[in-house]
Amino acid sequence: MGFVLTEEDAAAMAGMEKQMMEEMTKESQRQQDVLAAIKEVVKPEVYDEIITEIQSDGYTFDFKIADAPIGTEQDDGASWGKHFVNQTTNGGFTGDEYAGTVSIPLGDGRFFQFSYTM
């Protein structure tokens, strides 16, 4: 006989799925709140580049505004100037996995900071 899903198992799975969806909703709201705060302090072209950056960096999460950057200074010609990258995974097991933290200056001494994995 194969695997049989009991009613208790199904209920437990439904509860975990509900909890996961609630957490994803909260994380999405946190991200939107941080982006709204960023939009208030940077020029429109800088904000647009920030949106492009987070969309191109794979899975991005843990958005926050920080007082200090994390990582090594880099300059790729973005409108915000130099930024910082702390790449914690460089290639990974498969050779094409990358993860870390990006810190982008907001121009007021603070940094938009987010984590990424791709």
Protein backbone atom coordinates (compact mmCIF):
# COMPACT_ATOMS: atom_id res chain seq x y z
CA MET A 1 0.00 0.00 0.00
CA GLY A 2 1.27 3.51 -0.84
CA PHE A 3 1.40 6.62 1.22
CA VAL A 4 -1.90 7.67 2.79
CA LEU A 5 -2.45 11.22 3.92
CA THR A 6 -4.45 11.27 7.13
CA GLU A 7 -6.90 13.98 8.03
CA GLU A 8 -4.53 15.12 10.80
CA ASP A 9 -1.68 15.35 8.28
CA ALA A 10 -3.84 17.33 5.86
CA ALA A 11 -4.93 19.69 8.64
CA ALA A 12 -1.32 20.19 9.78
CA MET A 13 -0.22 20.92 6.20
CA ALA A 14 -3.07 23.41 5.74
CA GLY A 15 -2.07 25.16 8.97
CA MET A 16 1.56 25.40 7.88
CA GLU A 17 0.55 26.70 4.46
CA LYS A 18 -1.65 29.37 6.07
CA GLN A 19 1.20 30.42 8.37
CA MET A 20 3.62 30.58 5.43
CA MET A 21 1.22 32.74 3.41
CA GLU A 22 0.75 35.10 6.38
CA GLU A 23 4.54 35.46 6.74
CA MET A 24 4.93 36.11 3.01
CA THR A 25 2.25 38.80 3.20
CA LYS A 26 3.98 40.44 6.18
CA GLU A 27 7.36 40.35 4.40
CA SER A 28 5.84 41.88 1.27
CA GLN A 29 4.33 44.70 3.37
CA ARG A 30 7.69 45.30 5.11
CA GLN A 31 9.37 45.54 1.71
CA GLN A 32 6.76 47.99 0.43
CA ASP A 33 7.13 50.12 3.58
CA VAL A 34 10.93 50.31 3.15
CA LEU A 35 10.61 51.14 -0.55
CA ALA A 36 8.09 53.89 0.24
CA ALA A 37 10.53 55.40 2.78
CA ILE A 38 13.34 55.24 0.21
CA LYS A 39 11.18 56.93 -2.41
CA GLU A 40 10.77 59.87 -0.02
CA VAL A 41 14.53 60.59 0.19
CA VAL A 42 16.04 59.78 -3.22
CA LYS A 43 15.63 61.29 -6.66
CA PRO A 44 13.16 59.51 -8.99
CA GLU A 45 15.95 58.20 -11.25
CA VAL A 46 17.78 56.74 -8.24
CA TYR A 47 14.58 55.07 -7.04
CA ASP A 48 13.99 53.60 -10.51
CA GLU A 49 17.54 52.20 -10.55
CA ILE A 50 17.05 50.72 -7.08
CA ILE A 51 13.90 48.94 -8.30
CA THR A 52 15.79 47.64 -11.34
CA GLU A 53 18.62 46.45 -9.08
CA ILE A 54 16.37 44.47 -6.74
CA GLN A 55 14.50 42.96 -9.68
CA SER A 56 17.74 41.80 -11.31
CA ASP A 57 19.38 40.36 -8.20
CA GLY A 58 17.40 37.11 -8.04
CA TYR A 59 15.43 36.49 -4.87
CA THR A 60 15.74 39.60 -2.68
CA PHE A 61 14.65 39.86 0.93
CA ASP A 62 15.33 41.45 4.33
CA PHE A 63 14.85 45.04 3.09
CA LYS A 64 15.88 47.69 5.61
CA ILE A 65 17.34 51.14 6.00
CA ALA A 66 20.66 50.88 7.82
CA ASP A 67 23.05 53.39 9.38
CA ALA A 68 26.17 51.66 8.02
CA PRO A 69 26.96 49.61 4.92
CA ILE A 70 28.02 45.98 4.82
CA GLY A 71 30.62 44.71 2.38
CA THR A 72 33.21 45.95 -0.05
CA GLU A 73 32.79 49.22 -1.89
CA GLN A 74 31.98 48.88 -5.61
CA ASP A 75 31.16 51.32 -8.39
CA ASP A 76 29.27 50.09 -11.43
CA GLY A 77 28.21 53.50 -12.72
CA ALA A 78 24.78 53.60 -11.07
CA SER A 79 23.17 56.96 -10.38
CA TRP A 80 23.65 56.48 -6.63
CA GLY A 81 27.43 56.19 -7.07
CA LYS A 82 29.40 53.66 -5.08
CA HIS A 83 27.62 50.93 -3.17
CA PHE A 84 28.70 48.00 -1.03
CA VAL A 85 28.39 44.25 -1.61
CA ASN A 86 29.04 41.49 0.88
CA GLN A 87 28.92 38.33 -1.22
CA THR A 88 28.72 35.38 1.17
CA THR A 89 28.33 32.66 -1.45
CA ASN A 90 30.54 32.90 -4.51
CA GLY A 91 29.70 30.07 -6.86
CA GLY A 92 28.44 27.58 -4.31
CA PHE A 93 28.37 23.84 -4.89
CA THR A 94 27.09 24.13 -8.45
CA GLY A 95 29.36 27.02 -9.41
CA ASP A 96 26.49 29.33 -10.29
CA GLU A 97 25.02 30.18 -6.90
CA TYR A 98 25.52 33.61 -5.37
CA ALA A 99 24.20 35.21 -2.20
CA GLY A 100 24.96 38.19 -0.02
CA THR A 101 23.97 41.69 1.02
CA VAL A 102 23.88 44.93 -0.97
CA SER A 103 24.02 48.39 0.65
CA ILE A 104 23.04 51.36 -1.52
CA PRO A 105 23.62 54.92 -0.21
CA LEU A 106 20.48 57.03 0.15
CA GLY A 107 22.37 60.33 0.18
CA ASP A 108 21.45 61.19 3.77
CA GLY A 109 24.07 59.03 5.53
CA ARG A 110 21.86 55.94 5.55
CA PHE A 111 21.81 52.90 3.28
CA PHE A 112 19.14 50.77 1.66
CA GLN A 113 20.23 47.26 2.52
CA PHE A 114 18.87 44.00 1.19
CA SER A 115 19.93 40.39 0.93
CA TYR A 116 19.89 38.39 -2.27
CA THR A 117 20.35 34.86 -3.51
CA MET A 118 20.53 33.71 -7.11
